[in-house]
Amino acid sequence: MIKRGDPPFALRRWRESQVAYSITSWRTAMATLGCLRAFIKGESITSIHPDASAGYRFITGKRRALKIPNTPGPDVVPSVG
């Protein structure tokens, strides 16, 4: 069961609130990545801000740490923080 504060719950609530709007796939992807980041870190979240690029930066930073090939370098996607 998911509850308030869980990233999947926050994503579901955000998506339900955006039904009346035309959401770009980029905003949806950033919202999903933000929730994935919070889930991986074990954080609880109550609201989603898909305009921030921290989700993509977080995933790219993890890929660099794991030395996964074809990951954009820090000159293309700066690290988080």
PDB file of N, CA and C in Angstrom:
ATOM      1  N   MET A   1       0.828  -1.170   0.000  1.00  0.00           N
ATOM      2  CA  MET A   1       0.000   0.000   0.000  1.00  0.00           C
ATOM      3  C   MET A   1       0.883   1.248   0.000  1.00  0.00           C
ATOM      4  N   ILE A   2       0.567   2.175  -0.857  1.00  0.00           N
ATOM      5  CA  ILE A   2       1.300   3.437  -0.836  1.00  0.00           C
ATOM      6  C   ILE A   2       0.524   4.439   0.004  1.00  0.00           C
ATOM      7  N   LYS A   3       1.252   5.378   0.597  1.00  0.00           N
ATOM      8  CA  LYS A   3       0.618   6.361   1.476  1.00  0.00           C
ATOM      9  C   LYS A   3       1.199   7.735   1.204  1.00  0.00           C
ATOM     10  N   ARG A   4       0.656   8.746   1.828  1.00  0.00           N
ATOM     11  CA  ARG A   4       1.172  10.109   1.680  1.00  0.00           C
ATOM     12  C   ARG A   4       2.653  10.138   2.034  1.00  0.00           C
ATOM     13  N   GLY A   5       3.414  10.863   1.235  1.00  0.00           N
ATOM     14  CA  GLY A   5       4.853  10.949   1.452  1.00  0.00           C
ATOM     15  C   GLY A   5       5.644   9.977   0.595  1.00  0.00           C
ATOM     16  N   ASP A   6       5.001   8.924   0.114  1.00  0.00           N
ATOM     17  CA  ASP A   6       5.678   7.978  -0.767  1.00  0.00           C
ATOM     18  C   ASP A   6       5.790   8.582  -2.167  1.00  0.00           C
ATOM     19  N   PRO A   7       6.951   8.440  -2.809  1.00  0.00           N
ATOM     20  CA  PRO A   7       7.106   8.994  -4.159  1.00  0.00           C
ATOM     21  C   PRO A   7       6.057   8.511  -5.161  1.00  0.00           C
ATOM     22  N   PRO A   8       5.668   7.211  -5.170  1.00  0.00           N
ATOM     23  CA  PRO A   8       4.630   6.813  -6.134  1.00  0.00           C
ATOM     24  C   PRO A   8       3.290   7.518  -5.891  1.00  0.00           C
ATOM     25  N   PHE A   9       2.967   7.754  -4.633  1.00  0.00           N
ATOM     26  CA  PHE A   9       1.732   8.459  -4.310  1.00  0.00           C
ATOM     27  C   PHE A   9       1.792   9.901  -4.809  1.00  0.00           C
ATOM     28  N   ALA A  10       2.937  10.546  -4.588  1.00  0.00           N
ATOM     29  CA  ALA A  10       3.109  11.926  -5.048  1.00  0.00           C
ATOM     30  C   ALA A  10       3.011  12.010  -6.570  1.00  0.00           C
ATOM     31  N   LEU A  11       3.604  11.048  -7.261  1.00  0.00           N
ATOM     32  CA  LEU A  11       3.537  11.044  -8.728  1.00  0.00           C
ATOM     33  C   LEU A  11       2.103  10.848  -9.205  1.00  0.00           C
ATOM     34  N   ARG A  12       1.392   9.931  -8.572  1.00  0.00           N
ATOM     35  CA  ARG A  12      -0.001   9.688  -8.961  1.00  0.00           C
ATOM     36  C   ARG A  12      -0.851  10.938  -8.725  1.00  0.00           C
ATOM     37  N   ARG A  13      -0.688  11.599  -7.583  1.00  0.00           N
ATOM     38  CA  ARG A  13      -1.441  12.818  -7.285  1.00  0.00           C
ATOM     39  C   ARG A  13      -1.096  13.933  -8.270  1.00  0.00           C
ATOM     40  N   TRP A  14       0.198  14.072  -8.598  1.00  0.00           N
ATOM     41  CA  TRP A  14       0.607  15.108  -9.543  1.00  0.00           C
ATOM     42  C   TRP A  14      -0.031  14.838 -10.904  1.00  0.00           C
ATOM     43  N   ARG A  15       0.012  13.594 -11.336  1.00  0.00           N
ATOM     44  CA  ARG A  15      -0.548  13.243 -12.642  1.00  0.00           C
ATOM     45  C   ARG A  15      -2.052  13.502 -12.678  1.00  0.00           C
ATOM     46  N   GLU A  16      -2.749  13.166 -11.605  1.00  0.00           N
ATOM     47  CA  GLU A  16      -4.187  13.419 -11.535  1.00  0.00           C
ATOM     48  C   GLU A  16      -4.485  14.916 -11.581  1.00  0.00           C
ATOM     49  N   SER A  17      -3.624  15.727 -10.984  1.00  0.00           N
ATOM     50  CA  SER A  17      -3.855  17.172 -10.976  1.00  0.00           C
ATOM     51  C   SER A  17      -3.568  17.810 -12.329  1.00  0.00           C
ATOM     52  N   GLN A  18      -2.863  17.119 -13.199  1.00  0.00           N
ATOM     53  CA  GLN A  18      -2.480  17.660 -14.501  1.00  0.00           C
ATOM     54  C   GLN A  18      -3.383  17.190 -15.637  1.00  0.00           C
ATOM     55  N   VAL A  19      -4.445  16.475 -15.323  1.00  0.00           N
ATOM     56  CA  VAL A  19      -5.319  15.906 -16.354  1.00  0.00           C
ATOM     57  C   VAL A  19      -5.900  16.984 -17.268  1.00  0.00           C
ATOM     58  N   ALA A  20      -6.253  18.114 -16.718  1.00  0.00           N
ATOM     59  CA  ALA A  20      -6.888  19.170 -17.514  1.00  0.00           C
ATOM     60  C   ALA A  20      -5.895  19.910 -18.404  1.00  0.00           C
ATOM     61  N   TYR A  21      -4.602  19.690 -18.188  1.00  0.00           N
ATOM     62  CA  TYR A  21      -3.574  20.406 -18.946  1.00  0.00           C
ATOM     63  C   TYR A  21      -2.912  19.488 -19.965  1.00  0.00           C
ATOM     64  N   SER A  22      -2.365  20.090 -20.967  1.00  0.00           N
ATOM     65  CA  SER A  22      -1.588  19.335 -21.942  1.00  0.00           C
ATOM     66  C   SER A  22      -0.154  19.249 -21.412  1.00  0.00           C
ATOM     67  N   ILE A  23       0.211  18.096 -20.903  1.00  0.00           N
ATOM     68  CA  ILE A  23       1.528  17.919 -20.293  1.00  0.00           C
ATOM     69  C   ILE A  23       2.489  17.390 -21.351  1.00  0.00           C
ATOM     70  N   THR A  24       3.649  18.027 -21.439  1.00  0.00           N
ATOM     71  CA  THR A  24       4.656  17.543 -22.373  1.00  0.00           C
ATOM     72  C   THR A  24       5.287  16.276 -21.811  1.00  0.00           C
ATOM     73  N   SER A  25       5.807  15.473 -22.691  1.00  0.00           N
ATOM     74  CA  SER A  25       6.468  14.242 -22.250  1.00  0.00           C
ATOM     75  C   SER A  25       7.710  14.569 -21.427  1.00  0.00           C
ATOM     76  N   TRP A  26       8.349  15.725 -21.682  1.00  0.00           N
ATOM     77  CA  TRP A  26       9.523  16.113 -20.905  1.00  0.00           C
ATOM     78  C   TRP A  26       9.141  16.367 -19.447  1.00  0.00           C
ATOM     79  N   ARG A  27       8.054  17.100 -19.219  1.00  0.00           N
ATOM     80  CA  ARG A  27       7.611  17.364 -17.843  1.00  0.00           C
ATOM     81  C   ARG A  27       7.234  16.074 -17.132  1.00  0.00           C
ATOM     82  N   THR A  28       6.589  15.171 -17.844  1.00  0.00           N
ATOM     83  CA  THR A  28       6.225  13.886 -17.247  1.00  0.00           C
ATOM     84  C   THR A  28       7.474  13.085 -16.905  1.00  0.00           C
ATOM     85  N   ALA A  29       8.445  13.086 -17.798  1.00  0.00           N
ATOM     86  CA  ALA A  29       9.698  12.362 -17.534  1.00  0.00           C
ATOM     87  C   ALA A  29      10.443  12.973 -16.356  1.00  0.00           C
ATOM     88  N   MET A  30      10.494  14.293 -16.255  1.00  0.00           N
ATOM     89  CA  MET A  30      11.184  14.940 -15.133  1.00  0.00           C
ATOM     90  C   MET A  30      10.467  14.672 -13.810  1.00  0.00           C
ATOM     91  N   ALA A  31       9.145  14.643 -13.832  1.00  0.00           N
ATOM     92  CA  ALA A  31       8.388  14.320 -12.621  1.00  0.00           C
ATOM     93  C   ALA A  31       8.672  12.872 -12.197  1.00  0.00           C
ATOM     94  N   THR A  32       8.695  11.972 -13.167  1.00  0.00           N
ATOM     95  CA  THR A  32       8.964  10.568 -12.874  1.00  0.00           C
ATOM     96  C   THR A  32      10.382  10.383 -12.358  1.00  0.00           C
ATOM     97  N   LEU A  33      11.353  11.052 -12.980  1.00  0.00           N
ATOM     98  CA  LEU A  33      12.736  10.938 -12.507  1.00  0.00           C
ATOM     99  C   LEU A  33      12.905  11.521 -11.108  1.00  0.00           C
ATOM    100  N   GLY A  34      12.210  12.599 -10.818  1.00  0.00           N
ATOM    101  CA  GLY A  34      12.267  13.166  -9.481  1.00  0.00           C
ATOM    102  C   GLY A  34      11.735  12.199  -8.432  1.00  0.00           C
ATOM    103  N   CYS A  35      10.655  11.523  -8.761  1.00  0.00           N
ATOM    104  CA  CYS A  35      10.098  10.527  -7.844  1.00  0.00           C
ATOM    105  C   CYS A  35      11.010   9.311  -7.727  1.00  0.00           C
ATOM    106  N   LEU A  36      11.608   8.911  -8.824  1.00  0.00           N
ATOM    107  CA  LEU A  36      12.543   7.789  -8.791  1.00  0.00           C
ATOM    108  C   LEU A  36      13.750   8.129  -7.924  1.00  0.00           C
ATOM    109  N   ARG A  37      14.257   9.349  -8.044  1.00  0.00           N
ATOM    110  CA  ARG A  37      15.384   9.780  -7.224  1.00  0.00           C
ATOM    111  C   ARG A  37      15.024   9.714  -5.746  1.00  0.00           C
ATOM    112  N   ALA A  38      13.854  10.227  -5.396  1.00  0.00           N
ATOM    113  CA  ALA A  38      13.420  10.207  -4.002  1.00  0.00           C
ATOM    114  C   ALA A  38      13.234   8.778  -3.499  1.00  0.00           C
ATOM    115  N   PHE A  39      12.714   7.914  -4.353  1.00  0.00           N
ATOM    116  CA  PHE A  39      12.507   6.515  -3.973  1.00  0.00           C
ATOM    117  C   PHE A  39      13.842   5.816  -3.726  1.00  0.00           C
ATOM    118  N   ILE A  40      14.818   6.056  -4.616  1.00  0.00           N
ATOM    119  CA  ILE A  40      16.137   5.442  -4.464  1.00  0.00           C
ATOM    120  C   ILE A  40      16.827   5.927  -3.195  1.00  0.00           C
ATOM    121  N   LYS A  41      16.696   7.214  -2.905  1.00  0.00           N
ATOM    122  CA  LYS A  41      17.318   7.782  -1.710  1.00  0.00           C
ATOM    123  C   LYS A  41      16.536   7.477  -0.437  1.00  0.00           C
ATOM    124  N   GLY A  42      15.322   6.956  -0.574  1.00  0.00           N
ATOM    125  CA  GLY A  42      14.497   6.659   0.586  1.00  0.00           C
ATOM    126  C   GLY A  42      13.864   7.894   1.205  1.00  0.00           C
ATOM    127  N   GLU A  43      13.697   8.937   0.405  1.00  0.00           N
ATOM    128  CA  GLU A  43      13.106  10.183   0.885  1.00  0.00           C
ATOM    129  C   GLU A  43      11.597  10.154   0.702  1.00  0.00           C
ATOM    130  N   SER A  44      10.926  10.912   1.527  1.00  0.00           N
ATOM    131  CA  SER A  44       9.489  11.086   1.316  1.00  0.00           C
ATOM    132  C   SER A  44       9.285  12.460   0.675  1.00  0.00           C
ATOM    133  N   ILE A  45       8.312  12.544  -0.213  1.00  0.00           N
ATOM    134  CA  ILE A  45       8.025  13.809  -0.883  1.00  0.00           C
ATOM    135  C   ILE A  45       6.523  14.066  -0.854  1.00  0.00           C
ATOM    136  N   THR A  46       6.170  15.322  -0.854  1.00  0.00           N
ATOM    137  CA  THR A  46       4.756  15.679  -0.857  1.00  0.00           C
ATOM    138  C   THR A  46       4.346  16.408  -2.127  1.00  0.00           C
ATOM    139  N   SER A  47       5.312  17.035  -2.802  1.00  0.00           N
ATOM    140  CA  SER A  47       4.979  17.733  -4.039  1.00  0.00           C
ATOM    141  C   SER A  47       6.079  17.513  -5.065  1.00  0.00           C
ATOM    142  N   ILE A  48       5.698  17.662  -6.307  1.00  0.00           N
ATOM    143  CA  ILE A  48       6.612  17.403  -7.415  1.00  0.00           C
ATOM    144  C   ILE A  48       6.830  18.688  -8.192  1.00  0.00           C
ATOM    145  N   HIS A  49       8.083  18.925  -8.564  1.00  0.00           N
ATOM    146  CA  HIS A  49       8.452  20.089  -9.361  1.00  0.00           C
ATOM    147  C   HIS A  49       9.186  19.600 -10.605  1.00  0.00           C
ATOM    148  N   PRO A  50       8.444  19.290 -11.667  1.00  0.00           N
ATOM    149  CA  PRO A  50       9.065  18.679 -12.846  1.00  0.00           C
ATOM    150  C   PRO A  50       9.925  19.620 -13.677  1.00  0.00           C
ATOM    151  N   ASP A  51       9.901  20.908 -13.382  1.00  0.00           N
ATOM    152  CA  ASP A  51      10.704  21.827 -14.174  1.00  0.00           C
ATOM    153  C   ASP A  51      12.168  21.790 -13.773  1.00  0.00           C
ATOM    154  N   ALA A  52      12.469  21.275 -12.607  1.00  0.00           N
ATOM    155  CA  ALA A  52      13.857  21.174 -12.156  1.00  0.00           C
ATOM    156  C   ALA A  52      14.531  20.024 -12.884  1.00  0.00           C
ATOM    157  N   SER A  53      15.794  20.200 -13.222  1.00  0.00           N
ATOM    158  CA  SER A  53      16.506  19.151 -13.945  1.00  0.00           C
ATOM    159  C   SER A  53      17.272  18.232 -13.005  1.00  0.00           C
ATOM    160  N   ALA A  54      17.004  18.300 -11.697  1.00  0.00           N
ATOM    161  CA  ALA A  54      17.753  17.497 -10.731  1.00  0.00           C
ATOM    162  C   ALA A  54      17.566  16.006 -10.956  1.00  0.00           C
ATOM    163  N   GLY A  55      16.400  15.577 -11.447  1.00  0.00           N
ATOM    164  CA  GLY A  55      16.173  14.148 -11.674  1.00  0.00           C
ATOM    165  C   GLY A  55      17.129  13.584 -12.712  1.00  0.00           C
ATOM    166  N   TYR A  56      17.244  14.264 -13.842  1.00  0.00           N
ATOM    167  CA  TYR A  56      18.133  13.798 -14.902  1.00  0.00           C
ATOM    168  C   TYR A  56      19.588  13.911 -14.463  1.00  0.00           C
ATOM    169  N   ARG A  57      19.916  14.984 -13.751  1.00  0.00           N
ATOM    170  CA  ARG A  57      21.284  15.162 -13.270  1.00  0.00           C
ATOM    171  C   ARG A  57      21.647  14.068 -12.275  1.00  0.00           C
ATOM    172  N   PHE A  58      20.713  13.668 -11.433  1.00  0.00           N
ATOM    173  CA  PHE A  58      20.953  12.608 -10.461  1.00  0.00           C
ATOM    174  C   PHE A  58      21.248  11.282 -11.164  1.00  0.00           C
ATOM    175  N   ILE A  59      20.405  10.925 -12.122  1.00  0.00           N
ATOM    176  CA  ILE A  59      20.578   9.668 -12.849  1.00  0.00           C
ATOM    177  C   ILE A  59      21.900   9.667 -13.617  1.00  0.00           C
ATOM    178  N   THR A  60      22.236  10.784 -14.256  1.00  0.00           N
ATOM    179  CA  THR A  60      23.492  10.880 -15.004  1.00  0.00           C
ATOM    180  C   THR A  60      24.687  10.751 -14.060  1.00  0.00           C
ATOM    181  N   GLY A  61      24.600  11.378 -12.895  1.00  0.00           N
ATOM    182  CA  GLY A  61      25.682  11.263 -11.912  1.00  0.00           C
ATOM    183  C   GLY A  61      25.883   9.829 -11.456  1.00  0.00           C
ATOM    184  N   LYS A  62      24.802   9.105 -11.238  1.00  0.00           N
ATOM    185  CA  LYS A  62      24.898   7.685 -10.853  1.00  0.00           C
ATOM    186  C   LYS A  62      25.531   6.868 -11.972  1.00  0.00           C
ATOM    187  N   ARG A  63      25.142   7.157 -13.218  1.00  0.00           N
ATOM    188  CA  ARG A  63      25.718   6.431 -14.358  1.00  0.00           C
ATOM    189  C   ARG A  63      27.222   6.689 -14.453  1.00  0.00           C
ATOM    190  N   ARG A  64      27.638   7.946 -14.186  1.00  0.00           N
ATOM    191  CA  ARG A  64      29.069   8.259 -14.215  1.00  0.00           C
ATOM    192  C   ARG A  64      29.808   7.511 -13.112  1.00  0.00           C
ATOM    193  N   ALA A  65      29.211   7.456 -11.922  1.00  0.00           N
ATOM    194  CA  ALA A  65      29.838   6.757 -10.798  1.00  0.00           C
ATOM    195  C   ALA A  65      30.010   5.270 -11.096  1.00  0.00           C
ATOM    196  N   LEU A  66      29.066   4.697 -11.838  1.00  0.00           N
ATOM    197  CA  LEU A  66      29.142   3.278 -12.195  1.00  0.00           C
ATOM    198  C   LEU A  66      29.939   3.046 -13.477  1.00  0.00           C
ATOM    199  N   LYS A  67      30.441   4.140 -14.081  1.00  0.00           N
ATOM    200  CA  LYS A  67      31.238   4.087 -15.312  1.00  0.00           C
ATOM    201  C   LYS A  67      30.496   3.376 -16.452  1.00  0.00           C
ATOM    202  N   ILE A  68      29.230   3.725 -16.612  1.00  0.00           N
ATOM    203  CA  ILE A  68      28.417   3.170 -17.690  1.00  0.00           C
ATOM    204  C   ILE A  68      28.767   3.923 -18.968  1.00  0.00           C
ATOM    205  N   PRO A  69      29.082   3.185 -20.051  1.00  0.00           N
ATOM    206  CA  PRO A  69      29.470   3.862 -21.291  1.00  0.00           C
ATOM    207  C   PRO A  69      28.325   4.706 -21.878  1.00  0.00           C
ATOM    208  N   ASN A  70      28.715   5.680 -22.685  1.00  0.00           N
ATOM    209  CA  ASN A  70      27.796   6.593 -23.379  1.00  0.00           C
ATOM    210  C   ASN A  70      27.008   7.495 -22.435  1.00  0.00           C
ATOM    211  N   THR A  71      27.536   7.731 -21.243  1.00  0.00           N
ATOM    212  CA  THR A  71      26.918   8.660 -20.304  1.00  0.00           C
ATOM    213  C   THR A  71      27.446  10.062 -20.602  1.00  0.00           C
ATOM    214  N   PRO A  72      26.562  11.065 -20.682  1.00  0.00           N
ATOM    215  CA  PRO A  72      27.041  12.425 -20.935  1.00  0.00           C
ATOM    216  C   PRO A  72      28.016  12.876 -19.852  1.00  0.00           C
ATOM    217  N   GLY A  73      29.032  13.592 -20.255  1.00  0.00           N
ATOM    218  CA  GLY A  73      30.040  14.080 -19.330  1.00  0.00           C
ATOM    219  C   GLY A  73      29.562  15.265 -18.521  1.00  0.00           C
ATOM    220  N   PRO A  74      30.337  15.682 -17.507  1.00  0.00           N
ATOM    221  CA  PRO A  74      29.925  16.808 -16.673  1.00  0.00           C
ATOM    222  C   PRO A  74      29.866  18.136 -17.411  1.00  0.00           C
ATOM    223  N   ASP A  75      30.530  18.225 -18.567  1.00  0.00           N
ATOM    224  CA  ASP A  75      30.438  19.448 -19.358  1.00  0.00           C
ATOM    225  C   ASP A  75      29.073  19.579 -20.031  1.00  0.00           C
ATOM    226  N   VAL A  76      28.417  18.443 -20.272  1.00  0.00           N
ATOM    227  CA  VAL A  76      27.082  18.441 -20.895  1.00  0.00           C
ATOM    228  C   VAL A  76      25.989  18.501 -19.831  1.00  0.00           C
ATOM    229  N   VAL A  77      26.084  17.624 -18.816  1.00  0.00           N
ATOM    230  CA  VAL A  77      25.111  17.571 -17.722  1.00  0.00           C
ATOM    231  C   VAL A  77      25.878  17.709 -16.417  1.00  0.00           C
ATOM    232  N   PRO A  78      25.827  18.895 -15.782  1.00  0.00           N
ATOM    233  CA  PRO A  78      26.575  19.087 -14.536  1.00  0.00           C
ATOM    234  C   PRO A  78      26.036  18.189 -13.419  1.00  0.00           C
ATOM    235  N   SER A  79      26.884  17.919 -12.442  1.00  0.00           N
ATOM    236  CA  SER A  79      26.484  17.088 -11.313  1.00  0.00           C
ATOM    237  C   SER A  79      25.503  17.828 -10.416  1.00  0.00           C
ATOM    238  N   VAL A  80      24.769  17.062  -9.633  1.00  0.00           N
ATOM    239  CA  VAL A  80      23.817  17.639  -8.689  1.00  0.00           C
ATOM    240  C   VAL A  80      24.581  18.292  -7.561  1.00  0.00           C
ATOM    241  N   GLY A  81      24.154  19.490  -7.175  1.00  0.00           N
ATOM    242  CA  GLY A  81      24.757  20.189  -6.038  1.00  0.00           C
ATOM    243  C   GLY A  81      26.031  20.743  -6.391  1.00  0.00           C
TER     244      GLY A  81
END
